[in-house]
Amino acid sequence: MLRRLLLYATMVGLFVAGVAALLSLGSRLESAAAERPHQEMVGAPSVAASGLSERGVLAHLLEQVREPLPLLLLQVAVIVIAARLLGSLFGRWGQPPVVGEMLAGILLGPSLLGWLWPASQDALFAADSLEPLWLLSQIGVILFLFVVGIDLDLAHLRERAAAAVWVSHASIVAPFLLGTAVSLLVYPALAPAGTAFGAFALFMGVALSITAFPVLARILEDRGLARTPLGKTAITCAAVGDVTAWCLLALVVALAGADAGAGPGVTTLLTVAFVVVILYAVRPLAARLLPAEVGGESHRKAFVAGVLSFVFLCAVATEAIGIRAPFGAFLAGVAMPRIPSVLDYLRKRVEALGSVVLLPLFFAFTGLRTEIGLLGDARNWLICAGIIAAAVAGKIGGTMLAARVSGVAWTDAFALGALMNTRGLIELVVLNLGYELGILSAEAFAMLVLMALVTTCMTGPLLQVHGAISRRRAE
C-alpha cells in the first residue's frame, strides 16, 4: 500500500511540475503573440471578450442572457411554466386546461405584463427577439393540426354524417350569417386600411362559425359523455363542422389573395387538386405502405422521421399554394391510415413535444399580439360584446333549432349547442391566420380572441345547467 501511495504521489508531482514548466516556457511566447495583428473570432463570444474583469458578475450574466439562444430558452421556460400553472389551475376549476394556457399567453403580453411592468416585458419579449419564437410556435401549430387530422375518421363520418350534417351545417350557417351581418356594422371601424369588405366579412363569418373539435372531445371524455348518444352526436357534428369550416377558410384565404402571384382562382384550383391527391392517391398508398404495427426501436425512429417529413412537406406544399402551412398538416393527418395502434403511437410522440412545449409558445405569441388596452373606450367594448353575443346566439341557437327539428329533446339540443359553441385553440389558429394576412386589425384580433376565451369558458357551466335540469326531470 505504501509503495502505491509513493508511486501515485510521484506521478502527480511529475505531472504538476511538467505542466508548470510548460506554462512557464509558453509565457515567453506571449510577447511575440501580442505583436501579431488581432483577428476577430466568428462564433460564440469568449470570456475574455466579454469584459468580465471590467464589469460586475451580475452585469455580465444579464448581458449574456440577452444573447439570442439564452433569451429564446428563457422565453420558452417562462411560457411553458406559466401555461402549465394556469392550465392546471383552470382544470381544477372544471374548465378545459387549454383555457388557462390561452389565458397565460395573453397575460404575458401587453395586456397584463406589459401594462404592469413594461420594462420586464420589453426585456423578455423584445421585438427583435420574437422571430425564433414565432417559428417554433408555428411548428407547434403544424404538429397540433396533424393530430387533429389523425383524430378525424372519414369512414366514421360517412356512417353517421347523414344524421349529423343537418345539425352541423346549421351550427355553421347561423353564426356565419350573423358574422357577415355584424361586418356591415364594424367594417368601417375595425377593418385594416385597404382590406376588401368581402374578405373581411367572409373571414368574420368563418371566425364565428368555428368549433374546436379537439377541446370538445376532451370535455366529453372528462365528463364521461363521450360514449353517450349526446356525446357521439356532438363528436360527429363537430367533426363534420371542422371539415366544412376548414374548406370555407381555405376558400376565404384564396379569395383574399393569399398568394399574390397566383391569384384567387389559381389558388383555389391548386387547393382542390392537392386535397384530391391527398385523399385519393396518398391516403390509399399510405394504407399499403405503413406497417400494421410499429416494430423495434430502429423501425420506430425511422417511422416517426418518415411521417414527420411527410407532414412538413405537406405543410410546405400548402404554403406554396397560398393557403398556409396548417392546412397541409391537417390533410397529412387525414391521410394517415386508420390503424389504432399506429395512430396512438404517433399521437403520443407528437403530443409529447407539440402540446407540452410548442403550443404554449403559440399561445404566448397570440398573447403578444393581443392588446386588450386597444378596447379602451365604451364603443369598442360594446362592439366586442356584440361580436360575442352574435357568436353565442348563432352557434347555440342554430344548433338547438336544427337538433330540435331532428327530434332531439330541448335539453339535449341545448347541451349540443353549448358543446358546439366551444372554440378553443382552433379559433386562435384561424385568428392568427387572418391577422397575418392583414384581414384583421389589432382591435378586431383582440375582440375575437376574447370571444374565443369567453365561448370556450361557457361550455362547462352550460353543461352543468344541462346536467342539473336532467337530474331534476329524472327525479
Protein backbone atom coordinates (compact mmCIF):
# COMPACT_ATOMS: atom_id res chain seq x y z
CA MET A 1 0.00 0.00 0.00
CA LEU A 2 2.78 2.45 0.95
CA ARG A 3 4.59 1.71 -2.29
CA ARG A 4 1.46 2.50 -4.33
CA LEU A 5 0.97 5.77 -2.46
CA LEU A 6 4.57 6.79 -3.15
CA LEU A 7 4.23 5.93 -6.83
CA TYR A 8 0.96 7.86 -7.04
CA ALA A 9 2.46 10.91 -5.28
CA THR A 10 5.48 10.79 -7.59
CA MET A 11 3.21 10.65 -10.65
CA VAL A 12 1.13 13.62 -9.50
CA GLY A 13 4.27 15.59 -8.61
CA LEU A 14 5.83 14.96 -12.01
CA PHE A 15 2.56 15.93 -13.70
CA VAL A 16 2.30 19.22 -11.80
CA ALA A 17 5.98 20.04 -12.35
CA GLY A 18 5.73 19.24 -16.06
CA VAL A 19 2.62 21.38 -16.60
CA ALA A 20 4.21 24.27 -14.64
CA ALA A 21 7.37 24.06 -16.72
CA LEU A 22 5.40 24.03 -19.98
CA LEU A 23 3.32 27.03 -18.90
CA SER A 24 6.47 28.91 -17.92
CA LEU A 25 8.01 28.25 -21.32
CA GLY A 26 4.78 29.19 -23.07
CA SER A 27 4.51 32.52 -21.26
CA ARG A 28 7.61 33.65 -23.15
CA LEU A 29 5.59 33.34 -26.36
CA GLU A 30 3.03 35.93 -25.21
CA SER A 31 5.21 38.87 -26.19
CA ALA A 32 5.51 37.52 -29.71
CA ALA A 33 1.78 36.84 -29.94
CA ALA A 34 1.00 40.36 -28.74
CA GLU A 35 2.89 41.83 -31.69
CA ARG A 36 0.66 39.99 -34.23
CA PRO A 37 -2.46 41.82 -35.51
CA HIS A 38 -5.67 40.91 -33.66
CA GLN A 39 -8.02 38.53 -35.52
CA GLU A 40 -11.75 38.66 -34.86
CA MET A 41 -13.28 35.34 -33.87
CA VAL A 42 -16.52 34.27 -35.55
CA GLY A 43 -18.96 32.45 -33.31
CA ALA A 44 -19.67 32.43 -29.60
CA PRO A 45 -18.02 35.25 -27.59
CA SER A 46 -15.10 34.30 -25.35
CA VAL A 47 -14.94 35.04 -21.64
CA ALA A 48 -12.07 37.46 -22.25
CA ALA A 49 -14.04 39.33 -24.89
CA SER A 50 -17.00 39.68 -22.58
CA GLY A 51 -15.13 42.05 -20.32
CA LEU A 52 -15.90 40.05 -17.18
CA SER A 53 -12.90 41.55 -15.38
CA GLU A 54 -14.06 45.08 -16.15
CA ARG A 55 -17.69 44.66 -15.09
CA GLY A 56 -19.61 43.10 -12.26
CA VAL A 57 -20.54 39.43 -12.41
CA LEU A 58 -24.28 40.23 -12.33
CA ALA A 59 -23.99 42.71 -15.20
CA HIS A 60 -22.04 40.14 -17.20
CA LEU A 61 -24.66 37.44 -16.60
CA LEU A 62 -27.51 39.75 -17.59
CA GLU A 63 -25.67 40.70 -20.75
CA GLN A 64 -25.15 37.04 -21.65
CA VAL A 65 -28.86 36.29 -21.19
CA ARG A 66 -29.64 38.88 -23.86
CA GLU A 67 -27.84 36.75 -26.46
CA PRO A 68 -30.30 35.10 -28.90
CA LEU A 69 -30.01 31.49 -27.68
CA PRO A 70 -30.24 32.03 -23.90
CA LEU A 71 -33.01 34.59 -24.41
CA LEU A 72 -35.02 32.11 -26.50
CA LEU A 73 -34.52 29.39 -23.88
CA LEU A 74 -35.62 31.79 -21.15
CA GLN A 75 -38.72 32.75 -23.15
CA VAL A 76 -39.63 29.09 -23.67
CA ALA A 77 -39.13 28.27 -19.98
CA VAL A 78 -41.26 31.20 -18.78
CA ILE A 79 -44.04 30.45 -21.26
CA VAL A 80 -44.18 26.70 -20.54
CA ILE A 81 -44.21 27.24 -16.76
CA ALA A 82 -46.96 29.87 -16.98
CA ALA A 83 -49.04 27.70 -19.33
CA ARG A 84 -48.76 24.62 -17.13
CA LEU A 85 -49.60 26.52 -13.94
CA LEU A 86 -52.67 28.26 -15.35
CA GLY A 87 -53.75 25.16 -17.29
CA SER A 88 -53.64 23.11 -14.09
CA LEU A 89 -55.49 25.83 -12.16
CA PHE A 90 -58.29 26.08 -14.71
CA GLY A 91 -58.51 22.29 -14.82
CA ARG A 92 -59.21 22.28 -11.08
CA TRP A 93 -61.97 24.83 -11.67
CA GLY A 94 -63.68 22.48 -14.11
CA GLN A 95 -62.52 24.33 -17.21
CA PRO A 96 -60.54 22.80 -20.12
CA PRO A 97 -56.81 23.30 -19.34
CA VAL A 98 -56.41 24.88 -22.77
CA VAL A 99 -58.37 27.89 -21.48
CA GLY A 100 -55.72 28.51 -18.83
CA GLU A 101 -52.95 28.03 -21.38
CA MET A 102 -54.60 30.51 -23.74
CA LEU A 103 -55.01 33.00 -20.90
CA ALA A 104 -51.37 32.56 -19.87
CA GLY A 105 -50.29 33.73 -23.30
CA ILE A 106 -52.43 36.84 -23.02
CA LEU A 107 -51.17 37.63 -19.51
CA LEU A 108 -47.54 37.52 -20.72
CA GLY A 109 -48.32 40.07 -23.43
CA PRO A 110 -49.04 43.79 -23.35
CA SER A 111 -52.49 43.23 -21.85
CA LEU A 112 -51.07 42.49 -18.36
CA LEU A 113 -47.28 42.08 -18.10
CA GLY A 114 -46.65 44.95 -20.49
CA TRP A 115 -49.15 47.07 -18.59
CA LEU A 116 -47.90 46.32 -15.08
CA TRP A 117 -44.17 46.00 -15.80
CA PRO A 118 -43.30 47.33 -19.28
CA ALA A 119 -39.53 47.08 -18.75
CA SER A 120 -39.79 43.37 -17.94
CA GLN A 121 -41.91 42.63 -20.99
CA ASP A 122 -39.60 44.64 -23.24
CA ALA A 123 -36.57 42.76 -21.89
CA LEU A 124 -38.14 39.29 -22.09
CA PHE A 125 -40.05 39.70 -25.35
CA ALA A 126 -38.10 42.34 -27.24
CA ALA A 127 -39.47 42.90 -30.73
CA ASP A 128 -36.23 41.84 -32.42
CA SER A 129 -36.18 38.53 -30.48
CA LEU A 130 -39.63 37.24 -31.49
CA GLU A 131 -38.90 35.67 -34.88
CA PRO A 132 -37.36 32.44 -33.47
CA LEU A 133 -40.26 32.21 -31.02
CA TRP A 134 -42.76 32.63 -33.86
CA LEU A 135 -41.09 29.92 -35.95
CA LEU A 136 -41.15 27.44 -33.05
CA SER A 137 -44.80 28.28 -32.37
CA GLN A 138 -45.69 27.55 -35.99
CA ILE A 139 -44.12 24.11 -35.72
CA GLY A 140 -46.35 23.57 -32.68
CA VAL A 141 -49.45 24.54 -34.68
CA ILE A 142 -48.42 22.24 -37.53
CA LEU A 143 -47.98 19.28 -35.17
CA PHE A 144 -51.26 20.06 -33.41
CA LEU A 145 -53.26 20.16 -36.62
CA PHE A 146 -51.61 16.94 -37.74
CA VAL A 147 -53.04 15.31 -34.59
CA VAL A 148 -56.44 16.88 -35.33
CA GLY A 149 -56.31 15.27 -38.76
CA ILE A 150 -55.35 11.94 -37.20
CA ASP A 151 -58.42 12.07 -34.96
CA LEU A 152 -60.74 12.77 -37.90
CA ASP A 153 -62.03 9.40 -39.09
CA LEU A 154 -63.62 9.91 -42.52
CA ALA A 155 -65.11 6.41 -42.58
CA HIS A 156 -66.88 7.02 -39.27
CA LEU A 157 -68.14 10.34 -40.59
CA ARG A 158 -69.60 8.70 -43.68
CA GLU A 159 -71.52 6.25 -41.47
CA ARG A 160 -73.05 8.93 -39.25
CA ALA A 161 -72.87 12.01 -41.44
CA ALA A 162 -76.41 11.74 -42.77
CA ALA A 163 -77.82 12.39 -39.31
CA ALA A 164 -75.21 14.98 -38.35
CA VAL A 165 -74.78 17.09 -41.48
CA TRP A 166 -78.06 18.96 -40.96
CA VAL A 167 -77.26 19.90 -37.35
CA SER A 168 -73.59 20.56 -38.04
CA HIS A 169 -74.17 22.79 -41.02
CA ALA A 170 -76.91 24.68 -39.18
CA SER A 171 -74.34 25.37 -36.45
CA ILE A 172 -72.13 26.91 -39.15
CA VAL A 173 -74.70 28.69 -41.32
CA ALA A 174 -76.34 30.67 -38.49
CA PRO A 175 -73.14 32.15 -36.94
CA PHE A 176 -71.64 32.64 -40.42
CA LEU A 177 -74.62 34.76 -41.48
CA LEU A 178 -74.54 36.69 -38.20
CA GLY A 179 -70.79 37.26 -38.56
CA THR A 180 -71.26 38.58 -42.07
CA ALA A 181 -74.10 40.82 -40.88
CA VAL A 182 -72.00 42.14 -37.99
CA SER A 183 -69.32 43.04 -40.53
CA LEU A 184 -71.69 45.59 -42.06
CA LEU A 185 -71.58 47.50 -38.77
CA VAL A 186 -67.94 47.04 -37.72
CA TYR A 187 -66.12 47.13 -41.07
CA PRO A 188 -65.55 50.91 -41.07
CA ALA A 189 -64.13 50.81 -37.54
CA LEU A 190 -62.20 47.52 -37.46
CA ALA A 191 -61.04 46.58 -40.96
CA PRO A 192 -57.41 47.46 -41.78
CA ALA A 193 -56.89 50.08 -44.47
CA GLY A 194 -57.08 48.55 -47.94
CA THR A 195 -58.93 45.39 -46.86
CA ALA A 196 -61.82 44.49 -49.15
CA PHE A 197 -65.20 44.18 -47.45
CA GLY A 198 -65.77 40.74 -48.97
CA ALA A 199 -62.60 39.29 -47.45
CA PHE A 200 -63.30 40.89 -44.07
CA ALA A 201 -66.96 39.82 -43.96
CA LEU A 202 -66.31 36.24 -45.06
CA PHE A 203 -63.48 35.89 -42.57
CA MET A 204 -65.70 37.20 -39.75
CA GLY A 205 -68.28 34.61 -40.76
CA VAL A 206 -65.73 31.81 -40.59
CA ALA A 207 -64.32 33.08 -37.27
CA LEU A 208 -67.76 33.00 -35.62
CA SER A 209 -68.65 29.55 -37.02
CA ILE A 210 -65.58 27.60 -35.80
CA THR A 211 -65.95 24.72 -33.32
CA ALA A 212 -62.90 23.36 -31.52
CA PHE A 213 -63.18 19.62 -32.23
CA PRO A 214 -60.21 18.55 -30.01
CA VAL A 215 -61.32 20.63 -27.00
CA LEU A 216 -64.90 19.41 -27.37
CA ALA A 217 -63.71 15.78 -27.46
CA ARG A 218 -61.63 16.35 -24.29
CA ILE A 219 -64.59 17.92 -22.47
CA LEU A 220 -66.81 14.97 -23.34
CA GLU A 221 -64.16 12.50 -22.19
CA ASP A 222 -63.57 14.33 -18.90
CA ARG A 223 -67.31 14.42 -18.13
CA GLY A 224 -67.97 10.82 -19.12
CA LEU A 225 -70.20 11.81 -22.04
CA ALA A 226 -68.07 10.56 -24.93
CA ARG A 227 -69.98 7.28 -25.36
CA THR A 228 -73.46 8.62 -24.70
CA PRO A 229 -75.86 9.41 -27.56
CA LEU A 230 -75.32 13.13 -26.87
CA GLY A 231 -71.54 12.72 -26.92
CA LYS A 232 -71.49 10.69 -30.13
CA THR A 233 -73.76 13.19 -31.86
CA ALA A 234 -71.64 16.11 -30.68
CA ILE A 235 -68.39 14.48 -31.84
CA THR A 236 -69.82 13.72 -35.27
CA CYS A 237 -71.32 17.20 -35.67
CA ALA A 238 -68.07 18.84 -34.60
CA ALA A 239 -66.03 16.69 -36.98
CA VAL A 240 -68.33 17.45 -39.93
CA GLY A 241 -68.27 21.11 -38.94
CA ASP A 242 -64.49 21.09 -38.72
CA VAL A 243 -64.13 19.79 -42.27
CA THR A 244 -66.68 22.30 -43.56
CA ALA A 245 -65.11 25.23 -41.69
CA TRP A 246 -61.61 24.38 -42.96
CA CYS A 247 -62.93 24.22 -46.53
CA LEU A 248 -64.62 27.61 -46.09
CA LEU A 249 -61.48 29.07 -44.56
CA ALA A 250 -59.32 27.79 -47.41
CA LEU A 251 -61.75 29.42 -49.84
CA VAL A 252 -61.68 32.73 -47.93
CA VAL A 253 -57.87 32.71 -47.81
CA ALA A 254 -57.74 32.03 -51.54
CA LEU A 255 -60.24 34.79 -52.30
CA ALA A 256 -58.30 37.17 -50.07
CA GLY A 257 -55.37 36.75 -52.45
CA ALA A 258 -53.06 34.98 -50.02
CA ASP A 259 -50.71 34.24 -52.89
CA ALA A 260 -50.42 37.46 -54.78
CA GLY A 261 -48.50 35.80 -57.60
CA ALA A 262 -51.08 33.16 -58.45
CA GLY A 263 -54.37 34.88 -57.72
CA PRO A 264 -57.52 33.54 -56.01
CA GLY A 265 -58.70 31.38 -58.93
CA VAL A 266 -55.41 29.53 -59.36
CA THR A 267 -55.02 29.16 -55.59
CA THR A 268 -58.48 27.60 -55.32
CA LEU A 269 -57.83 25.16 -58.17
CA LEU A 270 -54.46 24.15 -56.73
CA THR A 271 -56.07 23.64 -53.31
CA VAL A 272 -58.78 21.37 -54.72
CA ALA A 273 -56.17 19.41 -56.68
CA PHE A 274 -53.99 18.98 -53.59
CA VAL A 275 -56.92 17.74 -51.48
CA VAL A 276 -57.90 15.25 -54.18
CA VAL A 277 -54.33 13.94 -54.43
CA ILE A 278 -54.07 13.54 -50.64
CA LEU A 279 -57.42 11.77 -50.22
CA TYR A 280 -57.48 9.59 -53.32
CA ALA A 281 -53.81 8.90 -54.05
CA VAL A 282 -51.67 9.41 -50.96
CA ARG A 283 -54.14 8.02 -48.41
CA PRO A 284 -54.62 4.61 -50.14
CA LEU A 285 -50.86 4.42 -50.77
CA ALA A 286 -50.11 5.14 -47.11
CA ALA A 287 -52.52 2.39 -46.07
CA ARG A 288 -50.49 -0.11 -48.13
CA LEU A 289 -47.01 1.14 -47.19
CA LEU A 290 -47.29 1.88 -43.48
CA PRO A 291 -46.94 -1.08 -41.10
CA ALA A 292 -49.85 -2.55 -39.17
CA GLU A 293 -47.69 -2.48 -36.03
CA VAL A 294 -44.75 -0.29 -35.09
CA GLY A 295 -41.71 -2.58 -34.75
CA GLY A 296 -38.41 -2.28 -32.86
CA GLU A 297 -36.65 0.89 -31.75
CA SER A 298 -34.81 1.48 -35.01
CA HIS A 299 -38.01 0.96 -37.02
CA ARG A 300 -39.89 3.33 -34.69
CA LYS A 301 -37.36 6.09 -35.21
CA ALA A 302 -37.44 5.64 -38.98
CA PHE A 303 -41.25 5.53 -38.92
CA VAL A 304 -41.60 8.77 -36.93
CA ALA A 305 -38.94 10.50 -39.04
CA GLY A 306 -40.72 9.50 -42.26
CA VAL A 307 -44.16 10.60 -41.04
CA LEU A 308 -42.89 13.95 -39.77
CA SER A 309 -41.10 14.55 -43.05
CA PHE A 310 -44.37 13.88 -44.86
CA VAL A 311 -46.21 16.30 -42.56
CA PHE A 312 -43.68 19.06 -43.13
CA LEU A 313 -43.67 18.52 -46.91
CA CYS A 314 -47.47 18.77 -46.99
CA ALA A 315 -47.21 21.99 -44.96
CA VAL A 316 -44.64 23.32 -47.44
CA ALA A 317 -46.94 22.42 -50.35
CA THR A 318 -49.96 24.31 -48.96
CA GLU A 319 -47.74 27.25 -48.01
CA ALA A 320 -46.51 27.37 -51.61
CA ILE A 321 -50.09 27.14 -52.91
CA GLY A 322 -51.01 30.14 -50.78
CA ILE A 323 -53.38 28.72 -48.12
CA ARG A 324 -50.77 28.45 -45.34
CA ALA A 325 -48.93 25.54 -43.77
CA PRO A 326 -51.53 24.39 -41.15
CA PHE A 327 -53.87 23.15 -43.91
CA GLY A 328 -51.18 20.81 -45.20
CA ALA A 329 -50.50 19.43 -41.73
CA PHE A 330 -54.22 18.79 -41.19
CA LEU A 331 -54.50 16.95 -44.51
CA ALA A 332 -51.38 14.92 -43.67
CA GLY A 333 -53.15 13.71 -40.53
CA VAL A 334 -56.27 12.83 -42.52
CA ALA A 335 -54.08 10.81 -44.92
CA MET A 336 -52.81 8.52 -42.15
CA PRO A 337 -54.32 5.00 -42.31
CA ARG A 338 -56.90 4.25 -39.61
CA ILE A 339 -54.77 1.71 -37.71
CA PRO A 340 -55.43 2.33 -33.98
CA SER A 341 -52.03 1.18 -32.68
CA VAL A 342 -50.12 3.25 -35.26
CA LEU A 343 -52.25 6.36 -34.74
CA ASP A 344 -51.98 6.06 -30.97
CA TYR A 345 -48.19 5.74 -31.21
CA LEU A 346 -47.96 8.80 -33.46
CA ARG A 347 -50.32 10.82 -31.29
CA LYS A 348 -48.32 10.18 -28.12
CA ARG A 349 -44.98 11.03 -29.74
CA VAL A 350 -46.20 14.20 -31.41
CA GLU A 351 -48.25 15.49 -28.47
CA ALA A 352 -45.33 14.97 -26.08
CA LEU A 353 -43.45 17.72 -27.87
CA GLY A 354 -46.18 19.76 -29.51
CA SER A 355 -48.76 20.12 -26.73
CA VAL A 356 -46.37 20.49 -23.80
CA VAL A 357 -43.69 22.78 -25.25
CA LEU A 358 -44.51 24.22 -28.67
CA LEU A 359 -48.22 25.01 -28.43
CA PRO A 360 -47.79 27.23 -25.35
CA LEU A 361 -45.39 29.27 -27.48
CA PHE A 362 -48.22 29.80 -29.94
CA PHE A 363 -50.49 30.93 -27.09
CA ALA A 364 -47.80 33.35 -25.92
CA PHE A 365 -47.27 34.72 -29.41
CA THR A 366 -51.03 35.20 -29.73
CA GLY A 367 -50.97 37.00 -26.38
CA LEU A 368 -48.19 39.30 -27.56
CA ARG A 369 -50.45 40.28 -30.46
CA THR A 370 -53.50 40.78 -28.24
CA GLU A 371 -53.71 44.27 -26.79
CA ILE A 372 -56.88 44.45 -24.74
CA GLY A 373 -55.97 48.05 -23.95
CA LEU A 374 -56.97 48.91 -27.53
CA LEU A 375 -60.58 48.33 -26.45
CA GLY A 376 -60.27 51.29 -24.10
CA ASP A 377 -63.45 53.17 -24.96
CA ALA A 378 -67.07 52.18 -24.45
CA ARG A 379 -67.74 51.89 -28.19
CA ASN A 380 -65.11 49.18 -28.71
CA TRP A 381 -66.26 47.22 -25.67
CA LEU A 382 -69.83 47.42 -26.99
CA ILE A 383 -68.67 46.11 -30.36
CA CYS A 384 -66.79 43.28 -28.60
CA ALA A 385 -69.90 42.36 -26.59
CA GLY A 386 -71.94 42.38 -29.80
CA ILE A 387 -69.49 40.04 -31.53
CA ILE A 388 -69.58 37.63 -28.56
CA ALA A 389 -73.39 37.75 -28.48
CA ALA A 390 -73.61 37.04 -32.21
CA ALA A 391 -71.17 34.13 -31.89
CA VAL A 392 -73.07 32.58 -28.98
CA ALA A 393 -76.53 33.17 -30.43
CA GLY A 394 -75.54 31.81 -33.81
CA LYS A 395 -73.85 28.66 -32.51
CA ILE A 396 -76.21 27.72 -29.69
CA GLY A 397 -79.38 28.97 -31.40
CA GLY A 398 -78.63 27.42 -34.79
CA THR A 399 -77.62 24.08 -33.26
CA MET A 400 -80.62 23.93 -30.91
CA LEU A 401 -83.18 24.64 -33.62
CA ALA A 402 -81.68 22.13 -36.06
CA ALA A 403 -81.37 19.46 -33.37
CA ARG A 404 -84.96 20.04 -32.20
CA VAL A 405 -86.24 19.73 -35.78
CA SER A 406 -84.31 16.44 -35.98
CA GLY A 407 -86.22 15.11 -32.97
CA VAL A 408 -83.73 15.83 -30.16
CA ALA A 409 -85.24 16.91 -26.84
CA TRP A 410 -84.86 20.58 -25.93
CA THR A 411 -82.48 19.89 -23.02
CA ASP A 412 -80.16 17.74 -25.14
CA ALA A 413 -80.43 20.23 -28.00
CA PHE A 414 -79.28 22.94 -25.58
CA ALA A 415 -76.34 20.80 -24.43
CA LEU A 416 -75.40 20.10 -28.03
CA GLY A 417 -75.46 23.82 -28.77
CA ALA A 418 -73.27 24.53 -25.73
CA LEU A 419 -70.73 21.96 -26.93
CA MET A 420 -70.68 23.31 -30.49
CA ASN A 421 -70.09 26.79 -29.03
CA THR A 422 -66.63 25.64 -27.86
CA ARG A 423 -63.95 27.36 -29.96
CA GLY A 424 -60.62 26.99 -28.17
CA LEU A 425 -57.29 26.60 -29.93
CA ILE A 426 -58.69 26.10 -33.44
CA GLU A 427 -60.16 29.60 -33.23
CA LEU A 428 -56.77 31.06 -32.31
CA VAL A 429 -55.17 29.36 -35.31
CA VAL A 430 -57.79 30.89 -37.58
CA LEU A 431 -57.49 34.35 -36.00
CA ASN A 432 -53.70 34.41 -36.30
CA LEU A 433 -54.07 33.48 -39.95
CA GLY A 434 -56.40 36.41 -40.51
CA TYR A 435 -54.06 38.75 -38.67
CA GLU A 436 -51.04 37.64 -40.72
CA LEU A 437 -53.00 38.08 -43.95
CA GLY A 438 -53.92 41.64 -42.97
CA ILE A 439 -57.66 40.89 -42.87
CA LEU A 440 -57.98 41.66 -39.14
CA SER A 441 -56.81 44.81 -37.42
CA ALA A 442 -55.23 44.69 -33.96
CA GLU A 443 -58.55 45.77 -32.41
CA ALA A 444 -60.58 43.13 -34.26
CA PHE A 445 -57.98 40.49 -33.39
CA ALA A 446 -58.20 41.34 -29.67
CA MET A 447 -62.02 41.23 -29.74
CA LEU A 448 -62.12 37.85 -31.45
CA VAL A 449 -59.50 36.39 -29.08
CA LEU A 450 -61.71 37.47 -26.16
CA MET A 451 -64.67 35.87 -27.95
CA ALA A 452 -62.74 32.58 -28.21
CA LEU A 453 -61.93 32.65 -24.49
CA VAL A 454 -65.44 33.54 -23.37
CA THR A 455 -67.23 30.98 -25.54
CA THR A 456 -64.83 28.20 -24.51
CA CYS A 457 -65.24 29.07 -20.81
CA MET A 458 -69.04 28.96 -21.19
CA THR A 459 -69.12 25.29 -22.14
CA GLY A 460 -68.52 23.84 -18.67
CA PRO A 461 -71.12 25.95 -16.81
CA LEU A 462 -73.73 25.41 -19.54
CA LEU A 463 -73.22 21.65 -19.35
CA GLN A 464 -73.67 21.85 -15.58
CA VAL A 465 -77.00 23.59 -16.15
CA HIS A 466 -77.98 20.81 -18.55
CA GLY A 467 -76.99 18.17 -16.00
CA ALA A 468 -78.99 19.86 -13.25
CA ILE A 469 -82.10 20.07 -15.45
CA SER A 470 -81.71 16.42 -16.50
CA ARG A 471 -81.39 15.27 -12.87
CA ARG A 472 -84.42 17.30 -11.82
CA ARG A 473 -86.52 15.76 -14.59
CA ALA A 474 -85.31 12.28 -13.66
CA GLU A 475 -86.45 12.84 -10.07
